[in-house]
């Protein structure tokens, strides 16, 4: 079994919180186990959380830019179709 290592310092991460959740799908009950892992070094964990937040913000920014490009492309395509129809 591979160890869950910290992305910053490489130390094995520890379980900070564990819980079970019951969900019902098609009248069947399933139990899902969740585990939240953290680095044992608190300063390193702060760095990891900051880095993950930064990556998440960057991903959101890229997604918003992609959506804006798609909207602009669709607008241009409609404008081209309208211009051809007017001829």
N, C-alpha and C. Protein backbone atom coordinates (compact mmCIF):
# COMPACT_ATOMS: atom_id res chain seq x y z
N UNK A 1 0.84 -1.18 0.00
CA UNK A 1 0.00 0.00 0.00
C UNK A 1 0.89 1.24 0.00
N UNK A 2 0.57 2.19 -0.87
CA UNK A 2 1.38 3.41 -0.94
C UNK A 2 0.96 4.35 0.18
N UNK A 3 1.90 5.16 0.61
CA UNK A 3 1.63 6.11 1.69
C UNK A 3 1.12 7.41 1.10
N UNK A 4 0.33 8.10 1.88
CA UNK A 4 -0.17 9.41 1.51
C UNK A 4 0.86 10.42 2.00
N UNK A 5 1.65 10.97 1.07
CA UNK A 5 2.74 11.86 1.44
C UNK A 5 2.38 13.32 1.19
N UNK A 6 2.95 14.19 2.00
CA UNK A 6 2.75 15.63 1.86
C UNK A 6 3.38 16.10 0.55
N UNK A 7 2.67 16.98 -0.17
CA UNK A 7 3.19 17.46 -1.45
C UNK A 7 4.33 18.47 -1.27
N UNK A 8 4.51 18.99 -0.07
CA UNK A 8 5.55 19.99 0.17
C UNK A 8 6.79 19.39 0.81
N UNK A 9 6.61 18.68 1.93
CA UNK A 9 7.78 18.18 2.67
C UNK A 9 8.02 16.69 2.49
N UNK A 10 7.03 15.95 1.99
CA UNK A 10 7.21 14.52 1.75
C UNK A 10 6.97 13.64 2.96
N UNK A 11 6.60 14.22 4.10
CA UNK A 11 6.31 13.41 5.28
C UNK A 11 4.98 12.68 5.09
N UNK A 12 4.84 11.51 5.75
CA UNK A 12 3.54 10.82 5.68
C UNK A 12 2.46 11.68 6.35
N UNK A 13 1.33 11.81 5.67
CA UNK A 13 0.24 12.63 6.21
C UNK A 13 -0.56 11.81 7.22
N UNK A 14 -1.23 12.49 8.13
CA UNK A 14 -2.01 11.82 9.16
C UNK A 14 -3.49 12.13 8.97
N UNK A 15 -4.34 11.31 9.54
CA UNK A 15 -5.79 11.52 9.45
C UNK A 15 -6.18 12.56 10.49
N UNK A 16 -6.74 13.67 10.03
CA UNK A 16 -7.18 14.72 10.94
C UNK A 16 -8.63 14.50 11.34
N UNK A 17 -9.42 13.95 10.41
CA UNK A 17 -10.84 13.79 10.66
C UNK A 17 -11.34 12.63 9.81
N UNK A 18 -12.19 11.80 10.39
CA UNK A 18 -12.79 10.70 9.65
C UNK A 18 -14.26 10.62 10.02
N UNK A 19 -15.11 10.37 9.02
CA UNK A 19 -16.54 10.25 9.27
C UNK A 19 -17.18 9.38 8.21
N UNK A 20 -18.36 8.89 8.55
CA UNK A 20 -19.13 8.06 7.63
C UNK A 20 -20.41 8.78 7.27
N UNK A 21 -20.84 8.57 6.03
CA UNK A 21 -22.05 9.22 5.53
C UNK A 21 -22.91 8.15 4.85
N UNK A 22 -24.19 8.15 5.20
CA UNK A 22 -25.11 7.22 4.56
C UNK A 22 -25.84 7.95 3.45
N UNK A 23 -25.90 7.32 2.28
CA UNK A 23 -26.64 7.88 1.15
C UNK A 23 -27.60 6.81 0.64
N UNK A 24 -28.70 7.27 0.10
CA UNK A 24 -29.70 6.36 -0.44
C UNK A 24 -29.81 6.58 -1.94
N UNK A 25 -29.57 5.50 -2.70
CA UNK A 25 -29.68 5.54 -4.15
C UNK A 25 -30.56 4.37 -4.56
N UNK A 26 -31.67 4.67 -5.22
CA UNK A 26 -32.61 3.64 -5.66
C UNK A 26 -33.02 2.72 -4.52
N UNK A 27 -33.39 3.30 -3.40
CA UNK A 27 -33.86 2.59 -2.22
C UNK A 27 -32.82 1.67 -1.61
N UNK A 28 -31.55 1.86 -1.94
CA UNK A 28 -30.47 1.10 -1.33
C UNK A 28 -29.59 2.05 -0.55
N UNK A 29 -29.22 1.64 0.66
CA UNK A 29 -28.40 2.47 1.52
C UNK A 29 -26.93 2.10 1.31
N UNK A 30 -26.11 3.10 1.06
CA UNK A 30 -24.67 2.91 0.94
C UNK A 30 -23.98 3.76 1.99
N UNK A 31 -22.89 3.25 2.52
CA UNK A 31 -22.12 3.99 3.51
C UNK A 31 -20.81 4.41 2.86
N UNK A 32 -20.54 5.70 2.93
CA UNK A 32 -19.31 6.25 2.37
C UNK A 32 -18.43 6.70 3.52
N UNK A 33 -17.18 6.28 3.51
CA UNK A 33 -16.23 6.70 4.53
C UNK A 33 -15.37 7.83 3.99
N UNK A 34 -15.30 8.92 4.73
CA UNK A 34 -14.48 10.07 4.35
C UNK A 34 -13.31 10.19 5.33
N UNK A 35 -12.16 10.58 4.81
CA UNK A 35 -11.00 10.84 5.67
C UNK A 35 -10.31 12.11 5.18
N UNK A 36 -10.02 12.98 6.10
CA UNK A 36 -9.31 14.22 5.78
C UNK A 36 -7.89 14.09 6.30
N UNK A 37 -6.93 14.16 5.38
CA UNK A 37 -5.53 14.01 5.73
C UNK A 37 -4.85 15.37 5.80
N UNK A 38 -3.91 15.51 6.74
CA UNK A 38 -3.13 16.74 6.87
C UNK A 38 -1.67 16.38 7.14
N UNK A 39 -0.81 17.34 6.89
CA UNK A 39 0.60 17.17 7.21
C UNK A 39 0.78 17.33 8.72
N UNK A 40 1.62 16.52 9.35
CA UNK A 40 1.80 16.67 10.80
C UNK A 40 2.49 17.99 11.18
N UNK A 41 3.20 18.61 10.24
CA UNK A 41 3.85 19.89 10.48
C UNK A 41 2.84 21.00 10.17
N UNK A 42 2.43 21.76 11.19
CA UNK A 42 1.38 22.77 11.01
C UNK A 42 1.78 23.87 10.03
N UNK A 43 3.02 24.31 10.06
CA UNK A 43 3.48 25.35 9.13
C UNK A 43 3.46 24.83 7.70
N UNK A 44 3.85 23.59 7.52
CA UNK A 44 3.83 22.99 6.18
C UNK A 44 2.38 22.86 5.71
N UNK A 45 1.46 22.47 6.59
CA UNK A 45 0.06 22.33 6.22
C UNK A 45 -0.52 23.68 5.80
N UNK A 46 -0.12 24.76 6.47
CA UNK A 46 -0.57 26.10 6.07
C UNK A 46 -0.11 26.40 4.66
N UNK A 47 1.15 26.05 4.34
CA UNK A 47 1.68 26.27 2.99
C UNK A 47 0.88 25.47 1.98
N UNK A 48 0.58 24.19 2.31
CA UNK A 48 -0.16 23.31 1.41
C UNK A 48 -1.55 23.89 1.14
N UNK A 49 -2.23 24.33 2.19
CA UNK A 49 -3.57 24.91 2.01
C UNK A 49 -3.52 26.16 1.15
N UNK A 50 -2.51 26.99 1.36
CA UNK A 50 -2.36 28.21 0.56
C UNK A 50 -2.11 27.85 -0.90
N UNK A 51 -1.26 26.86 -1.14
CA UNK A 51 -0.93 26.42 -2.50
C UNK A 51 -2.15 25.82 -3.19
N UNK A 52 -2.90 24.99 -2.49
CA UNK A 52 -4.10 24.39 -3.07
C UNK A 52 -5.16 25.44 -3.38
N UNK A 53 -5.29 26.44 -2.50
CA UNK A 53 -6.23 27.53 -2.75
C UNK A 53 -5.82 28.30 -3.99
N UNK A 54 -4.52 28.56 -4.13
CA UNK A 54 -4.00 29.28 -5.28
C UNK A 54 -4.27 28.50 -6.57
N UNK A 55 -4.04 27.19 -6.54
CA UNK A 55 -4.29 26.36 -7.71
C UNK A 55 -5.78 26.35 -8.06
N UNK A 56 -6.63 26.29 -7.03
CA UNK A 56 -8.08 26.29 -7.26
C UNK A 56 -8.51 27.61 -7.90
N UNK A 57 -7.99 28.73 -7.41
CA UNK A 57 -8.32 30.03 -7.98
C UNK A 57 -7.89 30.12 -9.43
N UNK A 58 -6.71 29.58 -9.74
CA UNK A 58 -6.19 29.59 -11.10
C UNK A 58 -7.08 28.75 -12.02
N UNK A 59 -7.52 27.59 -11.53
CA UNK A 59 -8.42 26.74 -12.31
C UNK A 59 -9.73 27.45 -12.59
N UNK A 60 -10.28 28.14 -11.59
CA UNK A 60 -11.51 28.90 -11.79
C UNK A 60 -11.32 30.00 -12.83
N UNK A 61 -10.19 30.69 -12.75
CA UNK A 61 -9.90 31.77 -13.70
C UNK A 61 -9.80 31.24 -15.13
N UNK A 62 -9.15 30.10 -15.29
CA UNK A 62 -9.02 29.48 -16.61
C UNK A 62 -10.40 29.07 -17.14
N UNK A 63 -11.24 28.50 -16.26
CA UNK A 63 -12.58 28.10 -16.66
C UNK A 63 -13.44 29.28 -17.09
N UNK A 64 -13.32 30.39 -16.37
CA UNK A 64 -14.07 31.59 -16.72
C UNK A 64 -13.61 32.15 -18.05
N UNK A 65 -12.30 32.13 -18.30
CA UNK A 65 -11.76 32.62 -19.57
C UNK A 65 -12.24 31.73 -20.72
N UNK A 66 -12.28 30.42 -20.49
CA UNK A 66 -12.75 29.49 -21.52
C UNK A 66 -14.22 29.76 -21.84
N UNK A 67 -15.03 29.95 -20.82
CA UNK A 67 -16.44 30.23 -21.02
C UNK A 67 -16.64 31.54 -21.79
N UNK A 68 -15.86 32.55 -21.46
CA UNK A 68 -15.94 33.84 -22.17
C UNK A 68 -15.57 33.67 -23.65
N UNK A 69 -14.53 32.87 -23.93
CA UNK A 69 -14.13 32.61 -25.32
C UNK A 69 -15.23 31.89 -26.07
N UNK A 70 -15.86 30.90 -25.43
CA UNK A 70 -16.94 30.16 -26.09
C UNK A 70 -18.12 31.07 -26.40
N UNK A 71 -18.48 31.93 -25.46
CA UNK A 71 -19.58 32.87 -25.68
C UNK A 71 -19.25 33.82 -26.83
N UNK A 72 -18.05 34.33 -26.85
CA UNK A 72 -17.63 35.25 -27.91
C UNK A 72 -17.63 34.55 -29.27
N UNK A 73 -17.17 33.29 -29.31
CA UNK A 73 -17.16 32.53 -30.55
C UNK A 73 -18.58 32.32 -31.07
N UNK A 74 -19.50 31.95 -30.16
CA UNK A 74 -20.89 31.75 -30.58
C UNK A 74 -21.51 33.05 -31.08
N UNK A 75 -21.18 34.16 -30.44
CA UNK A 75 -21.68 35.46 -30.88
C UNK A 75 -21.19 35.79 -32.28
N UNK A 76 -19.91 35.52 -32.54
CA UNK A 76 -19.35 35.78 -33.87
C UNK A 76 -20.01 34.89 -34.93
N UNK A 77 -20.28 33.63 -34.57
CA UNK A 77 -20.90 32.72 -35.52
C UNK A 77 -22.31 33.20 -35.86
N UNK A 78 -23.05 33.68 -34.88
CA UNK A 78 -24.39 34.20 -35.13
C UNK A 78 -24.31 35.43 -36.02
N UNK A 79 -23.35 36.32 -35.74
CA UNK A 79 -23.17 37.52 -36.56
C UNK A 79 -22.85 37.15 -38.01
N UNK A 80 -22.02 36.14 -38.22
CA UNK A 80 -21.68 35.70 -39.57
C UNK A 80 -22.91 35.14 -40.29
N UNK A 81 -23.71 34.36 -39.60
CA UNK A 81 -24.91 33.79 -40.21
C UNK A 81 -25.91 34.89 -40.57
N UNK A 82 -26.04 35.89 -39.69
CA UNK A 82 -26.95 37.00 -39.98
C UNK A 82 -26.46 37.81 -41.17
N UNK A 83 -25.14 38.00 -41.29
CA UNK A 83 -24.58 38.75 -42.41
C UNK A 83 -24.83 38.00 -43.72
N UNK A 84 -24.71 36.67 -43.72
CA UNK A 84 -24.95 35.88 -44.93
C UNK A 84 -26.44 35.92 -45.30
N UNK A 85 -27.30 35.93 -44.32
CA UNK A 85 -28.73 35.93 -44.57
C UNK A 85 -29.19 37.25 -45.17
N UNK A 86 -28.53 38.36 -44.88
CA UNK A 86 -28.90 39.67 -45.37
C UNK A 86 -28.53 39.86 -46.84
N UNK A 87 -27.61 39.06 -47.36
CA UNK A 87 -27.14 39.24 -48.75
C UNK A 87 -28.18 38.97 -49.74
